[in-house]
Amino acid sequence: MNDDYSELVISQSQLDDIFVVRYLQELSREAVVVYLWLNMSVGKKEFDEKSVKTYKVIPEDKVREALTELLGAKLIKASKDKFVMEDLKRREVEEYVKICKAKGESGDIPGMKNTEEHRMLSASISKTFFRGVIDYNYYRLIDKCLYEYGFESTVCYKLFEEGYQRGILRKYNAMAGIASHWYEKGYTTADKLEKYLERNSLKEKLVKLCSKTMRKHMTDLDISRIHGWVDDLNANEELVAYAFRVNEFRNNLTLMNIETTLKKWFDLGIDTAEKAATLNEEEHKENMRRSAQRKNRSGSKWKTGAEAGLSLSDADTESDGQAEDKKPVKDKEQKARTEDKKDKKDDEAIPDDILDMFGD
């Protein structure tokens, strides 16, 4: 070494890969900065909030919040009024030993599963998604999926494929979260997982369809509602698109309008756009028929004789008869008495000699 540089001492501190893979991307900027300085400065020694403030690497009012975040992530631990750094590698080994002993596996320090299935799957995942260099944490995740969760090999491989497509492959906690969710839901075989992923894909398509059609960003509440169409109403992309068509007459179209339409179709057993179109056409014809009936009832109440099915003579006769029938009974009796009086008066006016001409 050149003598000019021999007196220059450059220290270095080792950062565990576990921190980079499992914790780094989940922490805030302030927490990461504090952790890096602690890793470089204190090692296994105790420290407190005041000593961290002396680093001046983040604002003093942010120090307590950063330490709280590191405590929550179990990267440091409290010891009375002091703190110490967690030994991540030691803790990882202890947790793994505990799991293996709980499953009844023997051995003082059990290692990774070394079956042919595990080797082939790990090699395939490493080559495809990690360019041949896979971190220990992901070997552990593969091990957990195969032997703790009971995933089929294809399901385990699909986990990494899903992580790659979602852009979370390098986020260990997110990947572990997906694996745990699949296990809890029972998606441990290829058939069950395929159906689940198909429904998820459909949900994403429907969210995009609604966002594009309504020209607005879907909120979390909107997305939850749309997902319910798939889970509860058995909706598909074509059916939802047609529901938008039959509701396009509305000035202020909402997702509730679409949901109401989908609910009606679901209750009627309609599961395709073709069936929905047939129903819509039948309803349109029925509405036109009822509209025509209402117009007839609300039109003029006077009709011609021809419209009423009557001839002129029939109309006159009917009119006279109705007029006669409508006369009060008292008027008829009065008329009868008047006619009787007239007959009597006429009889009295005729001389007897005239009547004798006709004999008895």
Protein backbone atom coordinates (compact mmCIF):
# COMPACT_ATOMS: atom_id res chain seq x y z
CA MET A 1 0.00 0.00 0.00
CA ASN A 2 1.24 3.48 -0.78
CA ASP A 3 2.61 5.16 2.36
CA ASP A 4 0.56 8.28 1.59
CA TYR A 5 -2.58 6.27 2.34
CA SER A 6 -1.33 3.94 5.06
CA GLU A 7 -2.51 6.16 7.90
CA LEU A 8 -5.99 6.51 6.47
CA VAL A 9 -8.28 4.14 8.38
CA ILE A 10 -11.66 3.42 6.81
CA SER A 11 -13.98 1.50 9.07
CA GLN A 12 -16.79 -0.65 7.78
CA SER A 13 -19.91 -2.11 9.31
CA GLN A 14 -21.75 -5.19 8.15
CA LEU A 15 -25.44 -4.89 7.37
CA ASP A 16 -27.45 -8.10 7.53
CA ASP A 17 -29.06 -9.19 4.28
CA ILE A 18 -32.18 -9.96 6.29
CA PHE A 19 -32.59 -6.25 6.99
CA VAL A 20 -32.26 -5.34 3.31
CA VAL A 21 -34.65 -8.01 2.08
CA ARG A 22 -37.26 -8.06 4.81
CA TYR A 23 -37.32 -4.64 6.45
CA LEU A 24 -35.71 -1.91 4.34
CA GLN A 25 -38.57 -1.31 1.93
CA GLU A 26 -41.17 -1.21 4.69
CA LEU A 27 -39.54 1.50 6.80
CA SER A 28 -39.77 5.27 6.53
CA ARG A 29 -36.75 7.27 5.41
CA GLU A 30 -36.12 8.56 8.94
CA ALA A 31 -36.21 5.07 10.47
CA VAL A 32 -33.78 3.71 7.86
CA VAL A 33 -31.31 6.55 8.40
CA VAL A 34 -31.38 6.08 12.18
CA TYR A 35 -30.96 2.30 11.86
CA LEU A 36 -27.95 2.65 9.55
CA TRP A 37 -26.26 5.07 11.95
CA LEU A 38 -27.02 2.80 14.92
CA ASN A 39 -25.63 -0.19 13.03
CA MET A 40 -22.47 1.76 12.32
CA SER A 41 -22.06 3.39 15.73
CA VAL A 42 -23.36 1.37 18.67
CA GLY A 43 -23.08 -2.31 17.72
CA LYS A 44 -24.15 -4.30 20.78
CA LYS A 45 -23.94 -1.35 23.19
CA GLU A 46 -26.91 0.32 24.77
CA PHE A 47 -28.13 3.72 23.60
CA ASP A 48 -30.94 6.15 24.35
CA GLU A 49 -33.02 8.78 22.58
CA LYS A 50 -30.66 11.55 23.62
CA SER A 51 -27.62 9.87 22.07
CA VAL A 52 -29.51 9.37 18.80
CA LYS A 53 -30.31 13.08 18.69
CA THR A 54 -26.60 13.86 18.82
CA TYR A 55 -26.18 12.22 15.41
CA LYS A 56 -28.13 15.13 13.87
CA VAL A 57 -29.06 12.92 10.91
CA ILE A 58 -32.79 13.63 11.18
CA PRO A 59 -34.73 16.46 12.88
CA GLU A 60 -34.83 16.02 16.67
CA ASP A 61 -38.63 16.01 16.72
CA LYS A 62 -38.58 12.95 14.43
CA VAL A 63 -36.21 10.81 16.54
CA ARG A 64 -38.81 9.38 18.92
CA GLU A 65 -41.10 8.47 16.02
CA ALA A 66 -38.23 6.72 14.20
CA LEU A 67 -37.27 4.73 17.31
CA THR A 68 -40.89 3.73 17.84
CA GLU A 69 -41.01 2.46 14.25
CA LEU A 70 -37.82 0.43 14.75
CA LEU A 71 -39.27 -1.03 17.95
CA GLY A 72 -42.46 -2.04 16.11
CA ALA A 73 -40.42 -3.74 13.39
CA LYS A 74 -38.42 -5.57 16.10
CA LEU A 75 -35.13 -4.18 14.80
CA ILE A 76 -34.29 -2.78 18.24
CA LYS A 77 -35.60 -3.69 21.67
CA ALA A 78 -36.14 -1.71 24.84
CA SER A 79 -34.14 -2.35 28.00
CA LYS A 80 -35.48 -0.15 30.81
CA ASP A 81 -34.89 3.40 29.60
CA LYS A 82 -32.28 2.24 27.08
CA PHE A 83 -32.35 0.43 23.73
CA VAL A 84 -30.20 -2.31 22.16
CA MET A 85 -29.92 -3.53 18.59
CA GLU A 86 -31.57 -6.85 17.72
CA ASP A 87 -29.35 -9.66 16.40
CA LEU A 88 -31.41 -10.48 13.29
CA LYS A 89 -29.44 -13.58 12.26
CA ARG A 90 -29.59 -15.12 15.71
CA ARG A 91 -33.31 -14.44 16.02
CA GLU A 92 -33.95 -15.97 12.58
CA VAL A 93 -32.14 -19.19 13.52
CA GLU A 94 -33.95 -19.41 16.87
CA GLU A 95 -37.36 -18.99 15.21
CA TYR A 96 -36.55 -21.66 12.64
CA VAL A 97 -35.36 -24.10 15.30
CA LYS A 98 -38.55 -23.46 17.27
CA ILE A 99 -40.72 -24.22 14.23
CA CYS A 100 -38.85 -27.42 13.45
CA LYS A 101 -39.09 -28.65 17.04
CA ALA A 102 -42.80 -27.88 17.10
CA LYS A 103 -43.21 -30.14 14.06
CA GLY A 104 -41.26 -32.91 15.81
CA GLU A 105 -38.17 -32.74 13.63
CA SER A 106 -34.91 -33.87 15.20
CA GLY A 107 -31.47 -32.31 14.99
CA ASP A 108 -29.65 -29.72 17.03
CA ILE A 109 -29.56 -27.11 14.28
CA PRO A 110 -31.94 -28.17 11.53
CA GLY A 111 -31.18 -26.86 8.10
CA MET A 112 -33.22 -26.22 5.04
CA LYS A 113 -35.24 -29.01 3.51
CA ASN A 114 -33.04 -30.80 1.03
CA THR A 115 -35.54 -32.86 -0.92
CA GLU A 116 -35.38 -33.18 -4.70
CA GLU A 117 -38.64 -31.25 -4.99
CA HIS A 118 -37.24 -28.37 -2.94
CA ARG A 119 -33.94 -28.26 -4.88
CA MET A 120 -35.59 -28.25 -8.31
CA LEU A 121 -38.22 -25.68 -7.36
CA SER A 122 -35.70 -23.36 -5.68
CA ALA A 123 -33.36 -23.57 -8.66
CA SER A 124 -36.18 -22.78 -11.08
CA ILE A 125 -37.39 -19.79 -9.04
CA SER A 126 -33.85 -18.51 -8.55
CA LYS A 127 -33.04 -18.68 -12.26
CA THR A 128 -36.37 -17.23 -13.46
CA PHE A 129 -36.96 -14.42 -10.98
CA PHE A 130 -33.63 -13.67 -9.24
CA ARG A 131 -31.08 -14.13 -12.04
CA GLY A 132 -29.62 -17.17 -10.30
CA VAL A 133 -28.96 -15.46 -6.96
CA ILE A 134 -31.77 -15.98 -4.48
CA ASP A 135 -31.64 -14.65 -0.91
CA TYR A 136 -31.87 -16.90 2.12
CA ASN A 137 -35.20 -15.36 3.12
CA TYR A 138 -36.83 -16.58 -0.08
CA TYR A 139 -35.37 -20.06 0.40
CA ARG A 140 -37.10 -19.99 3.78
CA LEU A 141 -40.34 -18.80 2.16
CA ILE A 142 -40.24 -21.68 -0.34
CA ASP A 143 -39.60 -24.07 2.53
CA LYS A 144 -42.56 -22.66 4.46
CA CYS A 145 -44.90 -22.86 1.49
CA LEU A 146 -44.04 -26.47 0.69
CA TYR A 147 -43.83 -28.02 4.14
CA GLU A 148 -45.78 -25.77 6.51
CA TYR A 149 -48.58 -24.56 4.23
CA GLY A 150 -48.68 -27.71 2.12
CA PHE A 151 -48.64 -25.90 -1.24
CA GLU A 152 -48.28 -27.89 -4.42
CA SER A 153 -45.07 -27.02 -6.27
CA THR A 154 -47.05 -25.22 -8.99
CA VAL A 155 -48.74 -23.05 -6.36
CA CYS A 156 -45.40 -22.14 -4.79
CA TYR A 157 -43.98 -21.20 -8.21
CA LYS A 158 -47.14 -19.19 -8.95
CA LEU A 159 -46.53 -17.19 -5.78
CA PHE A 160 -43.29 -15.78 -7.20
CA GLU A 161 -44.89 -15.28 -10.59
CA GLU A 162 -47.68 -13.31 -8.94
CA GLY A 163 -45.16 -11.24 -7.00
CA TYR A 164 -43.29 -10.43 -10.21
CA GLN A 165 -46.48 -9.35 -12.01
CA ARG A 166 -47.56 -7.14 -9.10
CA GLY A 167 -44.11 -5.59 -8.79
CA ILE A 168 -43.58 -6.78 -5.20
CA LEU A 169 -41.13 -9.61 -5.83
CA ARG A 170 -38.38 -7.88 -3.84
CA LYS A 171 -40.72 -7.04 -0.97
CA TYR A 172 -40.44 -10.06 1.27
CA ASN A 173 -43.21 -9.09 3.70
CA ALA A 174 -45.67 -8.56 0.87
CA MET A 175 -44.75 -11.93 -0.66
CA ALA A 176 -45.07 -13.67 2.70
CA GLY A 177 -48.44 -11.95 3.14
CA ILE A 178 -49.75 -13.36 -0.14
CA ALA A 179 -48.58 -16.85 0.81
CA SER A 180 -50.30 -16.59 4.18
CA HIS A 181 -53.53 -15.34 2.56
CA TRP A 182 -53.59 -18.24 0.09
CA TYR A 183 -53.03 -20.70 2.92
CA GLU A 184 -55.85 -19.23 5.04
CA LYS A 185 -58.25 -19.33 2.07
CA GLY A 186 -57.30 -22.91 1.22
CA TYR A 187 -55.71 -22.14 -2.17
CA THR A 188 -53.11 -24.86 -1.78
CA THR A 189 -53.76 -26.75 -5.02
CA ALA A 190 -53.40 -25.56 -8.61
CA ASP A 191 -57.13 -25.95 -9.37
CA LYS A 192 -58.30 -23.92 -6.37
CA LEU A 193 -55.69 -21.24 -6.96
CA GLU A 194 -56.54 -20.95 -10.66
CA LYS A 195 -60.20 -20.22 -9.89
CA TYR A 196 -59.21 -17.63 -7.31
CA LEU A 197 -56.79 -15.89 -9.67
CA GLU A 198 -59.39 -15.85 -12.46
CA ARG A 199 -61.85 -14.08 -10.18
CA ASN A 200 -59.17 -11.63 -9.11
CA SER A 201 -58.33 -10.90 -12.74
CA LEU A 202 -62.03 -10.33 -13.50
CA LYS A 203 -62.32 -7.91 -10.58
CA GLU A 204 -59.38 -5.89 -11.88
CA LYS A 205 -60.92 -5.76 -15.36
CA LEU A 206 -64.27 -4.57 -13.99
CA VAL A 207 -62.57 -1.81 -11.98
CA LYS A 208 -60.82 -0.61 -15.15
CA LEU A 209 -64.07 -0.84 -17.14
CA CYS A 210 -66.00 1.25 -14.59
CA SER A 211 -63.21 3.79 -14.31
CA LYS A 212 -63.01 4.17 -18.10
CA THR A 213 -66.78 4.30 -18.67
CA MET A 214 -67.49 6.76 -15.85
CA ARG A 215 -64.27 8.72 -16.52
CA LYS A 216 -63.24 8.90 -12.90
CA HIS A 217 -60.86 7.29 -10.44
CA MET A 218 -62.37 4.48 -8.41
CA THR A 219 -62.12 4.93 -4.65
CA ASP A 220 -61.52 2.06 -2.22
CA LEU A 221 -65.27 2.02 -1.52
CA ASP A 222 -66.01 1.85 -5.26
CA ILE A 223 -63.54 -1.00 -5.73
CA SER A 224 -65.07 -2.92 -2.82
CA ARG A 225 -68.53 -2.51 -4.38
CA ILE A 226 -67.30 -3.71 -7.79
CA HIS A 227 -65.61 -6.74 -6.22
CA GLY A 228 -68.96 -7.58 -4.63
CA TRP A 229 -70.54 -7.81 -8.09
CA VAL A 230 -68.23 -10.73 -8.83
CA ASP A 231 -68.48 -12.42 -5.44
CA ASP A 232 -72.21 -11.91 -4.78
CA LEU A 233 -73.89 -11.33 -8.17
CA ASN A 234 -71.76 -13.56 -10.41
CA ALA A 235 -71.17 -10.62 -12.76
CA ASN A 236 -68.84 -10.78 -15.76
CA GLU A 237 -67.28 -8.17 -18.02
CA GLU A 238 -69.90 -8.37 -20.80
CA LEU A 239 -72.81 -8.23 -18.34
CA VAL A 240 -71.44 -5.12 -16.61
CA ALA A 241 -70.76 -3.42 -19.95
CA TYR A 242 -74.38 -4.06 -21.01
CA ALA A 243 -75.64 -2.77 -17.64
CA PHE A 244 -73.92 0.52 -18.46
CA ARG A 245 -75.67 0.57 -21.84
CA VAL A 246 -79.17 0.15 -20.41
CA ASN A 247 -78.47 2.90 -17.86
CA GLU A 248 -76.87 5.40 -20.25
CA PHE A 249 -80.07 7.49 -20.34
CA ARG A 250 -79.38 8.68 -16.78
CA ASN A 251 -77.93 12.15 -16.33
CA ASN A 252 -76.01 11.25 -13.19
CA LEU A 253 -75.06 7.61 -13.54
CA THR A 254 -73.74 5.94 -10.37
CA LEU A 255 -72.38 2.53 -9.48
CA MET A 256 -75.54 2.00 -7.43
CA ASN A 257 -77.60 2.21 -10.66
CA ILE A 258 -75.42 -0.48 -12.22
CA GLU A 259 -75.61 -2.63 -9.10
CA THR A 260 -79.41 -2.39 -9.01
CA THR A 261 -79.57 -3.59 -12.62
CA LEU A 262 -77.14 -6.45 -11.96
CA LYS A 263 -79.10 -7.45 -8.84
CA LYS A 264 -82.35 -7.64 -10.83
CA TRP A 265 -80.71 -9.83 -13.46
CA PHE A 266 -79.12 -12.04 -10.83
CA ASP A 267 -82.49 -12.58 -9.12
CA LEU A 268 -83.98 -13.56 -12.49
CA GLY A 269 -81.16 -16.02 -13.20
CA ILE A 270 -79.72 -13.96 -16.05
CA ASP A 271 -75.98 -14.52 -16.36
CA THR A 272 -75.14 -13.43 -19.93
CA ALA A 273 -75.46 -10.20 -21.88
CA GLU A 274 -77.58 -12.01 -24.51
CA LYS A 275 -80.20 -13.02 -21.94
CA ALA A 276 -80.17 -9.52 -20.49
CA ALA A 277 -80.75 -8.04 -23.98
CA THR A 278 -83.73 -10.36 -24.54
CA LEU A 279 -85.25 -9.33 -21.22
CA ASN A 280 -84.66 -5.66 -22.00
CA GLU A 281 -86.42 -6.00 -25.37
CA GLU A 282 -89.43 -7.71 -23.78
CA GLU A 283 -89.65 -5.00 -21.12
CA HIS A 284 -89.49 -2.32 -23.83
CA LYS A 285 -92.40 -3.87 -25.74
CA GLU A 286 -94.44 -4.16 -22.56
CA ASN A 287 -93.76 -0.51 -21.71
CA MET A 288 -94.87 0.55 -25.21
CA ARG A 289 -98.12 -1.43 -24.84
CA ARG A 290 -98.89 0.13 -21.46
CA SER A 291 -98.08 3.58 -22.81
CA ALA A 292 -100.58 3.12 -25.65
CA GLN A 293 -103.26 2.04 -23.17
CA ARG A 294 -102.67 5.10 -21.03
CA LYS A 295 -102.98 7.36 -24.06
CA ASN A 296 -106.32 5.77 -24.98
CA ARG A 297 -107.64 6.25 -21.45
CA SER A 298 -106.48 9.83 -21.22
CA GLY A 299 -107.83 10.82 -24.72
CA SER A 300 -111.31 12.41 -25.63
CA LYS A 301 -114.30 10.68 -23.95
CA TRP A 302 -116.63 11.63 -26.84
CA LYS A 303 -116.80 9.11 -29.69
CA THR A 304 -118.60 9.03 -33.02
CA GLY A 305 -121.39 6.51 -33.62
CA ALA A 306 -119.15 4.52 -35.90
CA GLU A 307 -116.38 4.43 -33.19
CA ALA A 308 -118.99 3.26 -30.68
CA GLY A 309 -120.37 0.62 -33.13
CA LEU A 310 -123.82 2.28 -33.49
CA SER A 311 -125.88 3.30 -36.57
CA LEU A 312 -127.80 6.57 -36.72
CA SER A 313 -131.22 4.90 -36.12
CA ASP A 314 -129.85 2.86 -33.25
CA ALA A 315 -128.40 5.98 -31.73
CA ASP A 316 -131.73 7.84 -31.99
CA THR A 317 -133.69 4.94 -30.54
CA GLU A 318 -131.24 4.49 -27.76
CA SER A 319 -131.27 8.20 -27.10
CA ASP A 320 -135.07 8.36 -26.92
CA GLY A 321 -135.28 5.30 -24.74
CA GLN A 322 -132.64 6.64 -22.39
CA ALA A 323 -134.41 10.03 -22.26
CA GLU A 324 -137.70 8.35 -21.47
CA ASP A 325 -136.12 6.12 -18.84
CA LYS A 326 -134.50 9.08 -17.19
CA LYS A 327 -137.87 10.88 -16.57
CA PRO A 328 -138.85 10.79 -12.92
CA VAL A 329 -141.56 8.37 -11.89
CA LYS A 330 -143.61 11.27 -10.46
CA ASP A 331 -143.76 12.95 -13.88
CA LYS A 332 -145.09 9.78 -15.48
CA GLU A 333 -147.87 9.45 -12.91
CA GLN A 334 -148.82 13.10 -13.42
CA LYS A 335 -149.05 12.56 -17.16
CA ALA A 336 -151.28 9.53 -16.69
CA ARG A 337 -153.72 11.52 -14.49
CA THR A 338 -153.79 14.35 -17.03
CA GLU A 339 -154.66 11.94 -19.86
CA ASP A 340 -157.48 10.38 -17.80
CA LYS A 341 -158.96 13.81 -17.14
CA LYS A 342 -158.75 14.66 -20.83
CA ASP A 343 -160.57 11.43 -21.78
CA LYS A 344 -163.35 12.20 -19.33
CA LYS A 345 -163.67 15.76 -20.58
CA ASP A 346 -163.85 14.52 -24.16
CA ASP A 347 -166.61 12.06 -23.23
CA GLU A 348 -168.65 14.81 -21.62
CA ALA A 349 -168.28 17.06 -24.67
CA ILE A 350 -169.88 14.57 -27.10
CA PRO A 351 -173.77 14.85 -27.31
CA ASP A 352 -175.83 11.76 -26.48
CA ASP A 353 -177.75 11.83 -29.76
CA ILE A 354 -174.50 11.51 -31.61
CA LEU A 355 -173.51 8.54 -29.54
CA ASP A 356 -176.94 6.90 -30.14
CA MET A 357 -176.19 6.79 -33.84
CA PHE A 358 -173.71 3.99 -33.21
CA GLY A 359 -176.13 2.10 -30.97
CA ASP A 360 -175.29 0.53 -27.75
